[in-house]
Structures are given as structure tokens and as C-alpha cells.
Amino acid sequence: MTEGSHGFPEEPVIRDKRRIDPETGEVRTPAEQEGAAREGGSAPAAEPSASAAELAEARAQATERTLDLQRLQAEYANYRKRVERDRQAVGEQALVKVLTELLPVLDDIGRARDHGELAGGFKSVAESLESIVAKMGLQSFGKKGEPFDPVVHEALLHSYAPDVTEPTCVEILQPGYQFRERVIRPARVAVAEPAEASEAASPGAESDNG
């Protein structure tokens, strides 16, 4: 028998490792044997738990990795969008180039139609071509009597007329064409301004006003 820290003898630790429970007469399981052996003895030391600082650091690292992953996903999505926009832009430029090369042919078809020369097999081919370019997104514009717009019209002739109240396209010399919202060629027109503008610009009108 050993003495404790205060000089008193320590009591012996009795560990019951019998396989048969003396009270019930039943065979003990390994867990029950272990529990019986610990009775009267000191409890096993608990494993040291992670400190609050370590847990906080682990959470911070997990958050940082999550943000990195989200940032990479956003960058990849933006990259795919840029590639798709560039691909569409290149395809559109190539299509516009082809359509621009066809404009003189369409002009010839228009002149033949105006002179009543669009007939027979030539008419079928011409209408097929016009249908194809229309499906590709090409549209003609420019009508007699519409207001003059320098953004989409190119004035080749200029005059004054008493029956207009603003600069007006009085003749379409060559139709304009646009691809979707993009103007490929402006409409070439003859423009007439109100007759009052001519009178106001004349020297005689200036002397009368003086």
C-alpha cells in the first residue's frame, strides 16, 4: 500500500475483469467488462479539444476557399460570354461583307423591275436572291416623301418646293440597305426644302427686312 500526497495510505484500486457478472450470472460483453474494470478507478483523460482560435482559423480558410471558387466561376462565365460575343461579331462581319458585295446585283434587279424588264427565268432568280438576303437580315429602306435624315440618307440633289414643310426626300435615286440595326449603305436621295427657306436665303429678302 502506497502513501498519498498527504501521507495517508491510498486505497487499492480493484478492477473487476470477470466475464461472468456475479450478480446476474450472465456473460458480460467487452464493453461491460471494460466498464466494470473502471469502477473505483480514475476516469480516462479526455482528449484535448480544438481551441477556439483553431476553429476560427479553419472557418476563415473555408470561407476564403469558397470565395476563391466563386471568383473562378464568375471569371469563367465572363470568359465564355466574351468568346461568344467575339464569335458572333466575327460571323456578323463576314456576313455583312458578303451582303455588301451583293448590293450592286440587287441594284440591277431593282432597275430591271422599274423598267419592266424583270420577267421569265431572270425574275425567278432575282426573287429567290431577294428572299435569301432578307432571311439573312438584309433590309432595304428609303421611300419617297419621308423626312430627310442625314443618318440614313445621302443627299445627291437639292431643291426647294412649296408643298413641303421640312427637308423631304422627293426622289429615291438608290435605296439604302441595313443589316439588322446596322446601316450598310445610306439611301441616296433628292432632297427638297420648303420654298420659304429659299426666299429667306435670297439677298432681296435680306434688303426688304432691312
C-alpha atoms as a PDB file:
ATOM      1  CA  MET A   1       0.000   0.000   0.000  1.00  0.00           C
ATOM      2  CA  THR A   2       1.373   3.379  -1.026  1.00  0.00           C
ATOM      3  CA  GLU A   3       1.039   6.694   0.716  1.00  0.00           C
ATOM      4  CA  GLY A   4      -0.806   9.630  -0.835  1.00  0.00           C
ATOM      5  CA  SER A   5       0.368  13.201  -1.187  1.00  0.00           C
ATOM      6  CA  HIS A   6      -0.803  13.949   2.406  1.00  0.00           C
ATOM      7  CA  GLY A   7       0.980  10.980   3.945  1.00  0.00           C
ATOM      8  CA  PHE A   8      -2.160   8.819   4.178  1.00  0.00           C
ATOM      9  CA  PRO A   9      -2.172   5.409   2.537  1.00  0.00           C
ATOM     10  CA  GLU A  10      -4.087   5.233  -0.763  1.00  0.00           C
ATOM     11  CA  GLU A  11      -6.779   2.627  -1.106  1.00  0.00           C
ATOM     12  CA  PRO A  12      -6.123  -0.098  -3.646  1.00  0.00           C
ATOM     13  CA  VAL A  13      -7.935   0.099  -6.985  1.00  0.00           C
ATOM     14  CA  ILE A  14      -9.958  -3.049  -7.612  1.00  0.00           C
ATOM     15  CA  ARG A  15     -10.744  -3.831 -11.242  1.00  0.00           C
ATOM     16  CA  ASP A  16     -13.387  -6.467 -11.855  1.00  0.00           C
ATOM     17  CA  LYS A  17     -12.459  -8.216 -15.113  1.00  0.00           C
ATOM     18  CA  ARG A  18     -14.626 -11.299 -14.639  1.00  0.00           C
ATOM     19  CA  ARG A  19     -16.548 -12.448 -17.708  1.00  0.00           C
ATOM     20  CA  ILE A  20     -19.499 -13.599 -15.605  1.00  0.00           C
ATOM     21  CA  ASP A  21     -21.435 -10.964 -13.745  1.00  0.00           C
ATOM     22  CA  PRO A  22     -21.552 -12.189 -10.102  1.00  0.00           C
ATOM     23  CA  GLU A  23     -24.929 -10.541  -9.515  1.00  0.00           C
ATOM     24  CA  THR A  24     -26.827 -11.618 -12.629  1.00  0.00           C
ATOM     25  CA  GLY A  25     -24.847 -14.677 -13.633  1.00  0.00           C
ATOM     26  CA  GLU A  26     -24.816 -13.504 -17.260  1.00  0.00           C
ATOM     27  CA  VAL A  27     -21.835 -13.250 -19.554  1.00  0.00           C
ATOM     28  CA  ARG A  28     -20.601  -9.695 -19.807  1.00  0.00           C
ATOM     29  CA  THR A  29     -19.939  -8.011 -23.140  1.00  0.00           C
ATOM     30  CA  PRO A  30     -16.493  -6.488 -23.749  1.00  0.00           C
ATOM     31  CA  ALA A  31     -17.933  -3.031 -23.117  1.00  0.00           C
ATOM     32  CA  GLU A  32     -19.461  -4.145 -19.825  1.00  0.00           C
ATOM     33  CA  GLN A  33     -16.177  -5.740 -18.820  1.00  0.00           C
ATOM     34  CA  GLU A  34     -14.353  -2.503 -19.537  1.00  0.00           C
ATOM     35  CA  GLY A  35     -16.899  -0.533 -17.538  1.00  0.00           C
ATOM     36  CA  ALA A  36     -16.622  -2.911 -14.576  1.00  0.00           C
ATOM     37  CA  ALA A  37     -12.838  -2.742 -14.676  1.00  0.00           C
ATOM     38  CA  ARG A  38     -13.012   1.050 -14.455  1.00  0.00           C
ATOM     39  CA  GLU A  39     -15.251   1.095 -11.383  1.00  0.00           C
ATOM     40  CA  GLY A  40     -13.403   2.543  -8.465  1.00  0.00           C
ATOM     41  CA  GLY A  41     -10.526   3.707 -10.717  1.00  0.00           C
ATOM     42  CA  SER A  42      -9.741   7.056 -12.157  1.00  0.00           C
ATOM     43  CA  ALA A  43     -11.592   8.162 -15.325  1.00  0.00           C
ATOM     44  CA  PRO A  44      -9.553   8.173 -18.527  1.00  0.00           C
ATOM     45  CA  ALA A  45      -8.188  11.526 -19.529  1.00  0.00           C
ATOM     46  CA  ALA A  46     -10.311  13.315 -22.147  1.00  0.00           C
ATOM     47  CA  GLU A  47      -8.703  14.008 -25.495  1.00  0.00           C
ATOM     48  CA  PRO A  48      -7.753  17.632 -25.870  1.00  0.00           C
ATOM     49  CA  SER A  49     -10.369  19.537 -27.932  1.00  0.00           C
ATOM     50  CA  ALA A  50      -9.547  22.055 -30.652  1.00  0.00           C
ATOM     51  CA  SER A  51      -9.167  25.567 -29.341  1.00  0.00           C
ATOM     52  CA  ALA A  52     -11.478  28.390 -30.359  1.00  0.00           C
ATOM     53  CA  ALA A  53      -8.622  30.016 -32.303  1.00  0.00           C
ATOM     54  CA  GLU A  54      -8.067  26.862 -34.373  1.00  0.00           C
ATOM     55  CA  LEU A  55     -11.774  26.592 -35.168  1.00  0.00           C
ATOM     56  CA  ALA A  56     -11.909  30.244 -36.188  1.00  0.00           C
ATOM     57  CA  GLU A  57      -8.892  29.776 -38.457  1.00  0.00           C
ATOM     58  CA  ALA A  58     -10.457  26.702 -40.064  1.00  0.00           C
ATOM     59  CA  ARG A  59     -13.697  28.596 -40.723  1.00  0.00           C
ATOM     60  CA  ALA A  60     -11.757  31.527 -42.210  1.00  0.00           C
ATOM     61  CA  GLN A  61      -9.860  29.213 -44.549  1.00  0.00           C
ATOM     62  CA  ALA A  62     -13.084  27.503 -45.638  1.00  0.00           C
ATOM     63  CA  THR A  63     -14.688  30.896 -46.345  1.00  0.00           C
ATOM     64  CA  GLU A  64     -11.633  32.034 -48.328  1.00  0.00           C
ATOM     65  CA  ARG A  65     -11.627  28.867 -50.449  1.00  0.00           C
ATOM     66  CA  THR A  66     -15.353  29.273 -51.121  1.00  0.00           C
ATOM     67  CA  LEU A  67     -14.829  32.877 -52.269  1.00  0.00           C
ATOM     68  CA  ASP A  68     -11.938  31.783 -54.496  1.00  0.00           C
ATOM     69  CA  LEU A  69     -14.144  29.158 -56.103  1.00  0.00           C
ATOM     70  CA  GLN A  70     -16.969  31.646 -56.680  1.00  0.00           C
ATOM     71  CA  ARG A  71     -14.500  34.122 -58.190  1.00  0.00           C
ATOM     72  CA  LEU A  72     -13.144  31.496 -60.568  1.00  0.00           C
ATOM     73  CA  GLN A  73     -16.659  30.526 -61.621  1.00  0.00           C
ATOM     74  CA  ALA A  74     -17.554  34.167 -62.321  1.00  0.00           C
ATOM     75  CA  GLU A  75     -14.347  34.703 -64.340  1.00  0.00           C
ATOM     76  CA  TYR A  76     -15.017  31.581 -66.383  1.00  0.00           C
ATOM     77  CA  ALA A  77     -18.609  32.660 -67.073  1.00  0.00           C
ATOM     78  CA  ASN A  78     -17.381  36.099 -68.221  1.00  0.00           C
ATOM     79  CA  TYR A  79     -14.744  34.466 -70.409  1.00  0.00           C
ATOM     80  CA  ARG A  80     -17.356  32.301 -72.102  1.00  0.00           C
ATOM     81  CA  LYS A  81     -19.537  35.358 -72.725  1.00  0.00           C
ATOM     82  CA  ARG A  82     -16.616  37.268 -74.275  1.00  0.00           C
ATOM     83  CA  VAL A  83     -15.745  34.331 -76.518  1.00  0.00           C
ATOM     84  CA  GLU A  84     -19.366  34.046 -77.624  1.00  0.00           C
ATOM     85  CA  ARG A  85     -19.603  37.797 -78.344  1.00  0.00           C
ATOM     86  CA  ASP A  86     -16.353  37.719 -80.321  1.00  0.00           C
ATOM     87  CA  ARG A  87     -17.551  34.690 -82.279  1.00  0.00           C
ATOM     88  CA  GLN A  88     -20.829  36.400 -83.140  1.00  0.00           C
ATOM     89  CA  ALA A  89     -19.042  39.636 -84.097  1.00  0.00           C
ATOM     90  CA  VAL A  90     -16.679  37.814 -86.452  1.00  0.00           C
ATOM     91  CA  GLY A  91     -19.565  35.927 -88.045  1.00  0.00           C
ATOM     92  CA  GLU A  92     -21.579  39.125 -88.429  1.00  0.00           C
ATOM     93  CA  GLN A  93     -18.676  40.970 -90.069  1.00  0.00           C
ATOM     94  CA  ALA A  94     -18.205  38.146 -92.571  1.00  0.00           C
ATOM     95  CA  LEU A  95     -21.928  38.160 -93.356  1.00  0.00           C
ATOM     96  CA  VAL A  96     -22.008  41.926 -93.798  1.00  0.00           C
ATOM     97  CA  LYS A  97     -19.075  41.700 -96.205  1.00  0.00           C
ATOM     98  CA  VAL A  98     -20.907  39.137 -98.344  1.00  0.00           C
ATOM     99  CA  LEU A  99     -24.124  41.166 -98.349  1.00  0.00           C
ATOM    100  CA  THR A 100     -22.225  44.328 -99.288  1.00  0.00           C
ATOM    101  CA  GLU A 101     -20.788  42.546-102.314  1.00  0.00           C
ATOM    102  CA  LEU A 102     -24.347  41.649-103.389  1.00  0.00           C
ATOM    103  CA  LEU A 103     -25.690  45.225-103.274  1.00  0.00           C
ATOM    104  CA  PRO A 104     -24.800  46.064-106.907  1.00  0.00           C
ATOM    105  CA  VAL A 105     -26.645  42.921-108.019  1.00  0.00           C
ATOM    106  CA  LEU A 106     -29.694  43.972-106.012  1.00  0.00           C
ATOM    107  CA  ASP A 107     -29.466  47.450-107.579  1.00  0.00           C
ATOM    108  CA  ASP A 108     -29.529  45.888-111.058  1.00  0.00           C
ATOM    109  CA  ILE A 109     -32.567  43.839-110.080  1.00  0.00           C
ATOM    110  CA  GLY A 110     -34.307  46.974-108.839  1.00  0.00           C
ATOM    111  CA  ARG A 111     -33.610  48.899-112.054  1.00  0.00           C
ATOM    112  CA  ALA A 112     -34.810  45.983-114.164  1.00  0.00           C
ATOM    113  CA  ARG A 113     -38.030  45.869-112.164  1.00  0.00           C
ATOM    114  CA  ASP A 114     -38.558  49.639-112.572  1.00  0.00           C
ATOM    115  CA  HIS A 115     -38.162  49.338-116.362  1.00  0.00           C
ATOM    116  CA  GLY A 116     -40.393  46.273-116.650  1.00  0.00           C
ATOM    117  CA  GLU A 117     -37.528  44.022-117.651  1.00  0.00           C
ATOM    118  CA  LEU A 118     -37.844  41.588-114.755  1.00  0.00           C
ATOM    119  CA  ALA A 119     -39.520  38.585-116.368  1.00  0.00           C
ATOM    120  CA  GLY A 120     -39.103  34.892-117.089  1.00  0.00           C
ATOM    121  CA  GLY A 121     -36.286  32.923-115.526  1.00  0.00           C
ATOM    122  CA  PHE A 122     -34.435  36.081-114.529  1.00  0.00           C
ATOM    123  CA  LYS A 123     -37.424  37.101-112.405  1.00  0.00           C
ATOM    124  CA  SER A 124     -37.431  33.783-110.531  1.00  0.00           C
ATOM    125  CA  VAL A 125     -33.695  34.000-109.821  1.00  0.00           C
ATOM    126  CA  ALA A 126     -33.972  37.636-108.730  1.00  0.00           C
ATOM    127  CA  GLU A 127     -36.847  36.966-106.359  1.00  0.00           C
ATOM    128  CA  SER A 128     -35.032  33.954-104.887  1.00  0.00           C
ATOM    129  CA  LEU A 129     -31.951  36.075-104.224  1.00  0.00           C
ATOM    130  CA  GLU A 130     -34.017  38.832-102.612  1.00  0.00           C
ATOM    131  CA  SER A 131     -35.758  36.268-100.403  1.00  0.00           C
ATOM    132  CA  ILE A 132     -32.450  34.726 -99.309  1.00  0.00           C
ATOM    133  CA  VAL A 133     -30.808  38.028 -98.328  1.00  0.00           C
ATOM    134  CA  ALA A 134     -33.977  39.074 -96.499  1.00  0.00           C
ATOM    135  CA  LYS A 135     -33.826  35.889 -94.414  1.00  0.00           C
ATOM    136  CA  MET A 136     -30.180  36.680 -93.648  1.00  0.00           C
ATOM    137  CA  GLY A 137     -31.286  40.015 -92.145  1.00  0.00           C
ATOM    138  CA  LEU A 138     -30.782  42.459 -95.042  1.00  0.00           C
ATOM    139  CA  GLN A 139     -33.490  45.097 -95.441  1.00  0.00           C
ATOM    140  CA  SER A 140     -33.858  47.953 -97.909  1.00  0.00           C
ATOM    141  CA  PHE A 141     -35.110  51.385 -96.858  1.00  0.00           C
ATOM    142  CA  GLY A 142     -35.803  54.790 -98.362  1.00  0.00           C
ATOM    143  CA  LYS A 143     -39.229  55.975 -99.509  1.00  0.00           C
ATOM    144  CA  LYS A 144     -40.319  58.988-101.480  1.00  0.00           C
ATOM    145  CA  GLY A 145     -41.927  61.604 -99.230  1.00  0.00           C
ATOM    146  CA  GLU A 146     -40.242  60.650 -95.977  1.00  0.00           C
ATOM    147  CA  PRO A 147     -38.369  63.323 -93.948  1.00  0.00           C
ATOM    148  CA  PHE A 148     -34.685  63.645 -94.750  1.00  0.00           C
ATOM    149  CA  ASP A 149     -32.446  62.098 -92.112  1.00  0.00           C
ATOM    150  CA  PRO A 150     -28.707  62.622 -92.611  1.00  0.00           C
ATOM    151  CA  VAL A 151     -28.011  59.500 -90.544  1.00  0.00           C
ATOM    152  CA  VAL A 152     -29.623  57.188 -93.094  1.00  0.00           C
ATOM    153  CA  HIS A 153     -29.911  59.418 -96.195  1.00  0.00           C
ATOM    154  CA  GLU A 154     -27.285  60.831 -98.521  1.00  0.00           C
ATOM    155  CA  ALA A 155     -28.478  63.893-100.442  1.00  0.00           C
ATOM    156  CA  LEU A 156     -27.266  63.893-104.061  1.00  0.00           C
ATOM    157  CA  LEU A 157     -29.697  66.568-105.340  1.00  0.00           C
ATOM    158  CA  HIS A 158     -31.133  69.604-103.579  1.00  0.00           C
ATOM    159  CA  SER A 159     -34.071  71.861-104.444  1.00  0.00           C
ATOM    160  CA  TYR A 160     -36.908  73.918-102.934  1.00  0.00           C
ATOM    161  CA  ALA A 161     -40.607  73.088-103.131  1.00  0.00           C
ATOM    162  CA  PRO A 162     -43.761  74.905-101.966  1.00  0.00           C
ATOM    163  CA  ASP A 163     -45.531  71.710-100.914  1.00  0.00           C
ATOM    164  CA  VAL A 164     -43.073  70.552 -98.233  1.00  0.00           C
ATOM    165  CA  THR A 165     -42.786  71.825 -94.677  1.00  0.00           C
ATOM    166  CA  GLU A 166     -39.390  70.287 -93.862  1.00  0.00           C
ATOM    167  CA  PRO A 167     -36.441  68.810 -95.756  1.00  0.00           C
ATOM    168  CA  THR A 168     -38.042  65.894 -97.588  1.00  0.00           C
ATOM    169  CA  CYS A 169     -36.865  63.053 -99.791  1.00  0.00           C
ATOM    170  CA  VAL A 170     -38.673  63.782-103.045  1.00  0.00           C
ATOM    171  CA  GLU A 171     -36.854  61.125-105.075  1.00  0.00           C
ATOM    172  CA  ILE A 172     -35.071  57.877-104.163  1.00  0.00           C
ATOM    173  CA  LEU A 173     -32.099  57.623-106.504  1.00  0.00           C
ATOM    174  CA  GLN A 174     -30.710  54.490-104.871  1.00  0.00           C
ATOM    175  CA  PRO A 175     -32.250  52.541-101.956  1.00  0.00           C
ATOM    176  CA  GLY A 176     -30.369  52.139 -98.714  1.00  0.00           C
ATOM    177  CA  TYR A 177     -29.698  48.832 -97.005  1.00  0.00           C
ATOM    178  CA  GLN A 178     -29.285  47.827 -93.392  1.00  0.00           C
ATOM    179  CA  PHE A 179     -28.310  44.591 -91.683  1.00  0.00           C
ATOM    180  CA  ARG A 180     -30.483  44.290 -88.590  1.00  0.00           C
ATOM    181  CA  GLU A 181     -29.897  47.708 -86.948  1.00  0.00           C
ATOM    182  CA  ARG A 182     -26.660  48.470 -88.789  1.00  0.00           C
ATOM    183  CA  VAL A 183     -26.737  50.715 -91.866  1.00  0.00           C
ATOM    184  CA  ILE A 184     -24.634  49.156 -94.627  1.00  0.00           C
ATOM    185  CA  ARG A 185     -25.367  51.834 -97.230  1.00  0.00           C
ATOM    186  CA  PRO A 186     -27.366  55.056 -96.850  1.00  0.00           C
ATOM    187  CA  ALA A 187     -30.219  55.762 -99.228  1.00  0.00           C
ATOM    188  CA  ARG A 188     -29.162  58.219-101.931  1.00  0.00           C
ATOM    189  CA  VAL A 189     -31.924  60.769-102.458  1.00  0.00           C
ATOM    190  CA  ALA A 190     -33.008  64.081-103.927  1.00  0.00           C
ATOM    191  CA  VAL A 191     -33.982  66.500-101.162  1.00  0.00           C
ATOM    192  CA  ALA A 192     -36.402  69.421-101.319  1.00  0.00           C
ATOM    193  CA  GLU A 193     -36.666  72.135 -98.676  1.00  0.00           C
ATOM    194  CA  PRO A 194     -39.641  74.498 -98.106  1.00  0.00           C
ATOM    195  CA  ALA A 195     -39.802  77.408-100.543  1.00  0.00           C
ATOM    196  CA  GLU A 196     -39.770  79.844 -97.611  1.00  0.00           C
ATOM    197  CA  ALA A 197     -36.211  78.764 -96.873  1.00  0.00           C
ATOM    198  CA  SER A 198     -35.181  79.836-100.383  1.00  0.00           C
ATOM    199  CA  GLU A 199     -36.826  83.234-100.013  1.00  0.00           C
ATOM    200  CA  ALA A 200     -35.240  83.799 -96.610  1.00  0.00           C
ATOM    201  CA  ALA A 201     -31.820  82.975 -98.008  1.00  0.00           C
ATOM    202  CA  SER A 202     -32.108  85.297-101.048  1.00  0.00           C
ATOM    203  CA  PRO A 203     -30.353  88.752-100.983  1.00  0.00           C
ATOM    204  CA  GLY A 204     -33.606  90.515-101.861  1.00  0.00           C
ATOM    205  CA  ALA A 205     -35.313  89.176 -98.782  1.00  0.00           C
ATOM    206  CA  GLU A 206     -32.465  90.436 -96.632  1.00  0.00           C
ATOM    207  CA  SER A 207     -32.750  94.001 -98.120  1.00  0.00           C
ATOM    208  CA  ASP A 208     -36.530  94.044 -97.600  1.00  0.00           C
ATOM    209  CA  ASN A 209     -36.106  93.064 -93.964  1.00  0.00           C
ATOM    210  CA  GLY A 210     -33.563  95.822 -93.520  1.00  0.00           C
END
